[in-house]
Protein backbone atom coordinates (compact mmCIF):
# COMPACT_ATOMS: atom_id res chain seq x y z
CA MET A 1 0.01 0.04 0.00
CA THR A 2 1.44 3.40 -0.97
CA ALA A 3 1.84 6.02 1.76
CA ARG A 4 -1.31 7.99 2.37
CA PRO A 5 -1.30 11.75 2.89
CA TYR A 6 -1.69 13.12 6.33
CA ASN A 7 -5.29 14.32 6.84
CA PHE A 8 -5.67 17.12 9.43
CA SER A 9 -9.50 17.47 8.91
CA ALA A 10 -11.49 18.48 11.95
CA GLY A 11 -14.29 16.00 11.04
CA PRO A 12 -15.17 13.82 9.35
CA ALA A 13 -11.53 13.08 10.12
CA ALA A 14 -8.96 10.48 9.38
CA MET A 15 -9.55 6.96 10.46
CA PRO A 16 -6.76 4.37 11.21
CA ALA A 17 -5.68 2.81 7.86
CA GLU A 18 -5.67 -0.57 9.55
CA VAL A 19 -9.38 -0.14 10.29
CA LEU A 20 -10.16 0.77 6.65
CA GLU A 21 -8.23 -2.14 5.38
CA ILE A 22 -10.10 -4.61 7.54
CA ALA A 23 -13.38 -3.11 6.46
CA ALA A 24 -12.30 -3.31 2.84
CA GLY A 25 -11.50 -6.98 3.18
CA GLU A 26 -14.86 -7.66 4.82
CA MET A 27 -16.91 -5.39 2.47
CA LEU A 28 -18.59 -8.18 0.45
CA ASP A 29 -18.71 -10.95 3.04
CA TRP A 30 -18.62 -10.38 6.81
CA HIS A 31 -17.21 -13.44 8.55
CA GLY A 32 -18.68 -16.03 6.06
CA THR A 33 -22.27 -14.66 6.17
CA GLY A 34 -22.23 -13.85 2.45
CA MET A 35 -23.33 -10.48 3.19
CA SER A 36 -21.86 -7.02 3.61
CA VAL A 37 -22.54 -5.40 7.02
CA MET A 38 -24.40 -2.78 5.00
CA GLU A 39 -26.79 -5.47 3.70
CA MET A 40 -27.64 -7.39 6.86
CA SER A 41 -30.66 -6.92 9.06
CA HIS A 42 -30.06 -5.06 12.27
CA ARG A 43 -32.37 -7.60 13.86
CA GLY A 44 -30.29 -10.62 12.73
CA LYS A 45 -27.76 -12.63 14.71
CA ALA A 46 -24.68 -11.40 12.74
CA PHE A 47 -25.37 -7.69 13.45
CA GLY A 48 -26.31 -8.47 17.02
CA GLU A 49 -22.84 -9.86 17.51
CA ILE A 50 -21.40 -6.71 16.02
CA ILE A 51 -23.19 -4.22 18.22
CA ALA A 52 -22.82 -6.31 21.34
CA ARG A 53 -19.05 -6.43 20.91
CA ALA A 54 -18.82 -2.73 20.04
CA GLU A 55 -20.61 -1.84 23.26
CA ALA A 56 -18.58 -4.17 25.40
CA ASP A 57 -15.27 -2.88 23.92
CA LEU A 58 -16.28 0.67 24.31
CA ARG A 59 -17.26 0.04 27.99
CA SER A 60 -14.00 -1.55 28.57
CA LEU A 61 -11.97 1.23 26.84
CA LEU A 62 -13.73 4.14 28.58
CA ALA A 63 -14.23 2.32 31.92
CA ILE A 64 -17.93 3.13 31.74
CA PRO A 65 -19.64 2.11 34.98
CA ALA A 66 -22.48 -0.43 34.87
CA HIS A 67 -25.14 2.19 35.93
CA PHE A 68 -24.56 4.03 32.69
CA LYS A 69 -26.35 3.14 29.53
CA VAL A 70 -24.54 3.22 26.18
CA LEU A 71 -26.70 4.37 23.34
CA PHE A 72 -25.92 4.25 19.58
CA MET A 73 -27.89 7.02 18.02
CA GLN A 74 -28.10 9.30 14.97
CA GLY A 75 -28.33 13.11 14.45
CA GLY A 76 -24.71 14.14 15.39
CA GLY A 77 -23.77 16.58 18.12
CA LEU A 78 -26.13 19.16 16.75
CA GLY A 79 -28.94 16.73 17.04
CA GLU A 80 -28.01 16.14 20.73
CA ASN A 81 -28.33 19.85 21.35
CA ALA A 82 -32.00 19.38 21.02
CA ILE A 83 -32.31 15.69 22.21
CA VAL A 84 -30.54 16.44 25.65
CA PRO A 85 -32.97 19.15 26.74
CA LEU A 86 -35.90 17.18 25.44
CA ASN A 87 -34.78 14.38 27.79
CA LEU A 88 -33.23 16.12 30.76
CA SER A 89 -34.64 19.71 31.14
CA ARG A 90 -38.04 18.69 32.36
CA GLY A 91 -39.06 22.10 30.85
CA GLY A 92 -37.07 23.93 33.54
CA ALA A 93 -33.83 25.91 33.62
CA VAL A 94 -30.46 24.58 32.29
CA ASP A 95 -27.12 26.24 32.60
CA PHE A 96 -24.47 26.50 29.93
CA VAL A 97 -20.72 27.24 30.09
CA ILE A 98 -19.87 29.08 26.87
CA SER A 99 -16.35 28.26 25.70
CA GLY A 100 -16.64 28.58 21.95
CA SER A 101 -18.82 28.02 18.87
CA TRP A 102 -20.25 24.69 19.80
CA SER A 103 -21.41 25.50 23.26
CA GLN A 104 -22.91 28.71 21.84
CA LYS A 105 -24.92 26.55 19.39
CA SER A 106 -25.92 24.18 22.26
CA HIS A 107 -27.16 27.11 24.30
CA LYS A 108 -29.18 28.61 21.50
CA GLU A 109 -30.78 25.23 20.58
CA ALA A 110 -31.77 24.40 24.19
CA GLY A 111 -33.65 27.62 24.48
CA ARG A 112 -36.26 26.09 22.16
CA TYR A 113 -37.19 23.61 24.83
CA ALA A 114 -36.11 25.05 28.18
CA GLN A 115 -34.93 28.21 29.98
CA ALA A 116 -31.23 28.21 28.76
CA ARG A 117 -29.10 30.26 30.90
CA ILE A 118 -25.36 31.28 30.68
CA ALA A 119 -23.45 30.29 33.82
CA ALA A 120 -20.07 31.43 32.55
CA SER A 121 -18.52 32.63 29.19
CA ASN A 122 -15.10 33.23 27.70
CA ALA A 123 -16.47 35.48 24.99
CA ASP A 124 -14.58 38.50 26.42
CA THR A 125 -11.31 36.89 25.59
CA LYS A 126 -12.63 35.64 22.06
CA HIS A 127 -12.71 32.06 23.35
CA THR A 128 -8.93 31.88 24.06
CA THR A 129 -9.21 31.10 27.73
CA LEU A 130 -11.48 28.97 29.92
CA PRO A 131 -13.70 30.29 32.66
CA ALA A 132 -12.64 28.91 36.07
CA PRO A 133 -15.29 26.60 37.49
CA ALA A 134 -15.26 28.55 40.79
CA SER A 135 -16.58 31.59 38.87
CA TRP A 136 -19.54 29.80 37.36
CA ALA A 137 -23.03 30.99 38.36
CA ILE A 138 -25.01 27.77 38.50
CA GLY A 139 -28.57 28.17 39.58
CA ASP A 140 -30.00 26.05 42.37
CA ASP A 141 -32.77 25.13 40.01
CA ALA A 142 -30.61 23.96 37.13
CA GLN A 143 -31.71 20.66 35.74
CA TYR A 144 -28.25 20.14 34.24
CA VAL A 145 -25.03 21.94 33.44
CA HIS A 146 -23.78 21.77 29.85
CA LEU A 147 -20.15 21.74 28.88
CA CYS A 148 -18.37 21.45 25.58
CA SER A 149 -15.15 19.92 26.97
CA ASN A 150 -13.21 20.49 23.64
CA GLU A 151 -14.04 23.16 21.30
CA THR A 152 -12.94 22.16 17.81
CA ILE A 153 -13.05 25.59 16.16
CA HIS A 154 -11.39 27.73 18.86
CA GLY A 155 -9.04 25.01 20.02
CA VAL A 156 -9.64 25.12 23.74
CA GLU A 157 -10.14 22.03 26.09
CA PHE A 158 -11.05 21.42 29.63
CA HIS A 159 -8.41 18.88 30.66
CA GLU A 160 -10.15 18.25 33.92
CA LEU A 161 -13.92 18.03 34.28
CA PRO A 162 -15.41 20.17 36.99
CA ASP A 163 -16.75 18.73 40.23
CA LEU A 164 -20.23 20.24 40.36
CA LYS A 165 -20.84 18.92 43.90
CA ALA A 166 -17.75 20.65 45.14
CA LEU A 167 -19.16 23.85 43.60
CA GLY A 168 -22.41 23.33 45.52
CA SER A 169 -24.51 22.11 42.71
CA GLU A 170 -26.49 18.82 42.63
CA ALA A 171 -27.15 19.26 38.84
CA PRO A 172 -25.77 16.53 36.54
CA LEU A 173 -23.00 17.50 34.26
CA VAL A 174 -23.54 17.06 30.60
CA ILE A 175 -20.50 17.04 28.37
CA ASP A 176 -20.17 17.19 24.60
CA PHE A 177 -16.97 15.10 24.20
CA SER A 178 -17.28 14.73 20.46
CA SER A 179 -13.71 15.86 19.64
CA HIS A 180 -11.80 14.29 22.49
CA VAL A 181 -13.59 11.11 23.26
CA ALA A 182 -11.15 8.22 23.61
CA SER A 183 -8.19 10.54 23.64
CA ARG A 184 -8.07 10.64 27.50
CA PRO A 185 -9.83 8.98 30.40
CA VAL A 186 -13.33 10.16 31.56
CA ASP A 187 -14.03 10.73 35.25
CA TRP A 188 -17.52 9.35 35.17
CA SER A 189 -18.04 10.23 38.94
CA ARG A 190 -18.38 13.80 37.70
CA VAL A 191 -20.59 13.09 34.64
CA GLY A 192 -24.33 12.60 34.19
CA LEU A 193 -24.34 12.34 30.40
CA ALA A 194 -21.70 12.42 27.69
CA PHE A 195 -22.44 12.65 23.98
CA GLY A 196 -20.40 12.83 20.82
CA GLY A 197 -20.46 12.39 17.10
CA ALA A 198 -18.22 9.49 16.02
CA GLN A 199 -16.68 11.29 13.05
CA LYS A 200 -13.66 12.74 14.81
CA ASN A 201 -12.12 10.00 17.04
CA LEU A 202 -14.35 6.99 16.82
CA GLY A 203 -15.30 6.36 13.19
CA PRO A 204 -17.42 7.78 10.24
CA ALA A 205 -20.14 10.39 10.28
CA GLY A 206 -23.62 9.00 11.02
CA LEU A 207 -23.15 7.54 14.42
CA THR A 208 -23.67 9.47 17.68
CA LEU A 209 -22.66 8.07 21.00
CA VAL A 210 -24.60 8.80 24.16
CA VAL A 211 -23.53 7.57 27.55
CA VAL A 212 -26.12 8.39 30.15
CA ARG A 213 -26.56 7.66 33.84
CA GLU A 214 -29.60 5.40 34.41
CA ASP A 215 -31.33 7.65 36.94
CA LEU A 216 -31.53 10.36 34.28
CA LEU A 217 -33.79 8.20 32.02
CA GLY A 218 -37.51 8.44 31.93
CA HIS A 219 -37.95 12.19 32.18
CA ALA A 220 -38.43 13.06 28.48
CA LEU A 221 -40.83 15.96 27.63
CA PRO A 222 -44.13 14.91 26.03
CA ILE A 223 -43.03 16.48 22.75
CA CYS A 224 -39.87 14.41 22.58
CA PRO A 225 -40.02 12.08 19.50
CA SER A 226 -40.02 8.35 20.54
CA ALA A 227 -36.84 7.69 18.54
CA PHE A 228 -35.01 10.33 20.61
CA ASN A 229 -36.34 9.35 23.98
CA TYR A 230 -33.31 7.99 25.82
CA GLN A 231 -35.53 5.64 27.90
CA THR A 232 -37.07 4.12 24.65
CA VAL A 233 -33.69 3.84 22.97
CA ALA A 234 -32.22 2.13 26.04
CA ASP A 235 -35.12 -0.24 26.51
CA ASN A 236 -34.72 -1.32 22.91
CA GLY A 237 -30.89 -1.80 22.86
CA SER A 238 -30.36 1.08 20.49
CA MET A 239 -32.67 -0.58 18.01
CA TYR A 240 -35.99 1.09 18.38
CA ASN A 241 -35.47 2.41 14.88
CA THR A 242 -32.89 1.16 12.37
CA PRO A 243 -29.45 2.21 13.78
CA PRO A 244 -26.59 3.28 11.65
CA THR A 245 -25.30 -0.20 11.19
CA TYR A 246 -22.25 0.35 9.10
CA ALA A 247 -21.05 3.29 11.13
CA ILE A 248 -21.45 1.09 14.28
CA TYR A 249 -19.39 -1.67 12.66
CA LEU A 250 -16.59 0.71 11.74
CA ALA A 251 -16.63 2.24 15.25
CA GLY A 252 -16.43 -1.23 16.66
CA LEU A 253 -13.34 -1.89 14.52
CA THR A 254 -11.91 1.41 15.79
CA PHE A 255 -12.47 0.31 19.39
CA GLN A 256 -10.54 -2.97 18.66
CA TRP A 257 -7.73 -0.95 17.09
CA LEU A 258 -7.55 1.32 20.14
CA GLN A 259 -7.27 -1.78 22.34
CA ARG A 260 -4.37 -3.04 20.19
CA GLN A 261 -2.63 0.30 20.60
CA GLY A 262 -2.66 -0.07 24.28
CA GLY A 263 -6.00 1.58 25.24
CA ILE A 264 -6.80 5.06 26.43
CA ALA A 265 -3.80 5.52 28.54
CA GLU A 266 -1.47 4.95 25.62
CA MET A 267 -3.60 7.28 23.34
CA GLU A 268 -3.40 10.06 25.92
CA ARG A 269 0.37 9.69 26.17
CA ARG A 270 0.58 9.82 22.40
CA ASN A 271 -1.71 12.83 22.14
CA ILE A 272 0.18 14.74 24.75
CA ALA A 273 3.46 14.22 22.79
CA LYS A 274 1.91 15.08 19.40
CA ALA A 275 0.33 18.34 20.77
CA ALA A 276 3.52 19.35 22.57
CA LEU A 277 5.57 18.82 19.43
CA LEU A 278 3.42 21.22 17.37
CA TYR A 279 2.75 23.83 20.12
CA ASP A 280 6.50 24.06 21.00
CA PHE A 281 7.39 24.75 17.44
CA ILE A 282 4.79 27.49 17.10
CA ASP A 283 5.75 29.09 20.36
CA ARG A 284 9.45 29.22 19.28
CA SER A 285 8.60 30.63 15.89
CA ALA A 286 8.30 34.41 14.97
CA PHE A 287 6.36 33.40 11.86
CA TYR A 288 3.44 31.57 13.39
CA GLU A 289 1.28 32.10 16.47
CA ASN A 290 -1.34 30.27 18.59
CA ARG A 291 -3.59 32.63 20.42
CA VAL A 292 -5.00 30.30 23.04
CA ALA A 293 -3.84 30.53 26.63
CA PRO A 294 -1.36 27.73 27.27
CA GLU A 295 -3.42 26.15 30.12
CA ALA A 296 -6.56 26.05 27.87
CA ARG A 297 -4.98 24.61 24.70
CA SER A 298 -6.68 21.60 23.04
CA ARG A 299 -4.58 18.49 22.35
CA MET A 300 -6.99 17.56 19.55
CA ASN A 301 -7.46 20.87 17.48
CA ILE A 302 -4.66 23.25 17.14
CA PRO A 303 -5.49 26.53 15.42
CA PHE A 304 -2.61 28.68 14.36
CA PHE A 305 -1.91 31.83 12.27
CA LEU A 306 0.70 33.10 9.90
CA LYS A 307 1.63 36.52 11.24
CA ASP A 308 1.63 37.74 7.62
CA GLU A 309 -1.78 36.31 6.50
CA SER A 310 -1.22 37.34 2.95
CA ARG A 311 0.80 34.15 2.69
CA ASN A 312 -2.03 31.86 3.70
CA GLU A 313 -2.85 30.61 0.26
CA ALA A 314 0.78 29.87 -0.59
CA PHE A 315 1.15 28.02 2.73
CA LEU A 316 -1.90 25.83 1.95
CA ALA A 317 -0.84 25.11 -1.65
CA GLY A 318 2.60 24.00 -0.41
CA ALA A 319 1.06 21.85 2.29
CA GLN A 320 -1.22 20.25 -0.21
CA ALA A 321 1.67 19.44 -2.52
CA ARG A 322 3.42 17.73 0.46
CA GLY A 323 0.44 15.56 1.22
CA LEU A 324 -0.62 17.60 4.29
CA LEU A 325 -4.34 17.98 3.80
CA GLN A 326 -7.19 20.10 5.14
CA LEU A 327 -5.23 22.54 7.22
CA LYS A 328 -7.38 25.58 6.47
CA GLY A 329 -8.98 27.09 9.61
CA HIS A 330 -12.72 27.28 10.22
CA LYS A 331 -14.22 30.22 8.19
CA SER A 332 -15.43 31.91 11.42
CA VAL A 333 -11.87 32.15 12.76
CA GLY A 334 -9.53 32.05 9.75
CA GLY A 335 -5.91 31.02 9.75
CA MET A 336 -4.94 27.31 9.98
CA ARG A 337 -6.07 24.38 12.10
CA ALA A 338 -4.38 21.05 12.45
CA SER A 339 -6.66 18.43 14.04
CA ILE A 340 -4.52 15.59 15.43
CA TYR A 341 -6.97 12.92 16.61
CA ASN A 342 -6.03 9.39 17.71
CA ALA A 343 -5.64 8.22 14.07
CA MET A 344 -2.93 10.90 13.33
CA PRO A 345 0.46 9.39 14.05
CA ILE A 346 3.23 11.53 15.38
CA GLU A 347 4.95 11.10 12.00
CA GLY A 348 2.26 13.24 10.54
CA VAL A 349 2.79 16.02 13.11
CA ARG A 350 6.62 15.87 12.41
CA ALA A 351 5.91 16.18 8.72
CA LEU A 352 3.70 19.27 9.38
CA VAL A 353 6.40 20.85 11.64
CA ASP A 354 9.11 20.09 9.00
CA TYR A 355 7.00 21.80 6.37
CA MET A 356 6.17 24.76 8.58
CA GLN A 357 9.89 25.24 9.28
CA GLN A 358 10.84 25.03 5.67
CA PHE A 359 8.05 27.41 4.57
CA GLU A 360 9.21 29.95 7.23
CA LYS A 361 12.76 29.79 5.91
CA GLU A 362 11.60 30.19 2.33
CA MET A 363 9.58 33.31 3.23
CA ALA A 364 12.37 34.90 5.22
């Protein structure tokens, strides 16, 4: 197999080549069934084995406690921005920590179904810092507190989840962990519900993962569609409606790949090393800059800027020629962005740093 380019897309993102090769080999015939996974009934024994192993492997990888339900759903993170308040708000007040574009969207959408309030925000620093938990204004009547623990666009990450009980709140913490799931451990003692689209660290677009504490089930608003009612989805083993079968299969292969790499602890070690390599180079350079406060920097999504932005197009063209793909920053922020999820090897980050160094010398 020829060397593949390094894909720095924020999502849908690169998947492990090994996973894609296994899927390609099983495309026409999964384990002697004579069927592609795309063709088999979600009610049949073969797919039952696939989804059961996927859940078991995910529970093992993320150390998910038994009193949490794992739901395989659809609709992506944006869909969950509505589905969470439909299930957990009880029509009351919910508090949001604004840390970037995705938490802003979550707050806005929740306002359609509940009283959505802002408990804290980093808007005054243009989403380059993180509001300290001790400063959050959480209401006593909050049904839950929403946190996007990694913002893909602005490149900020909460490396430690807040302890709401220590802050005097009994509200469950809801985290959108779409862009850092499986890159580091999760402290489930501090979480009521976690959700994330699979298309960054777990597999292809189309699958949404929800991990929800059992006591939070059964409180959906009457207007909640049956297929989005967490209790209904849980009671039916994620098969109340036809699930995204092929996406679940590919995610399951990714879970197995993660196990072979050494699990979440090893992935966290690699991710720390990859991020440090790129941030250290940027910080030493007079040609590039990252504007996020060091303590708030994401390990997954690293935005950076050329100090002379008239050279942006030349930079991107040169990167493309070198097989360094999808480095253009989000249109709302500009600049560049390197997303270095689990599937990105450190060799890809080294190749990016080498190119950035060469480009800087050529432009001097």
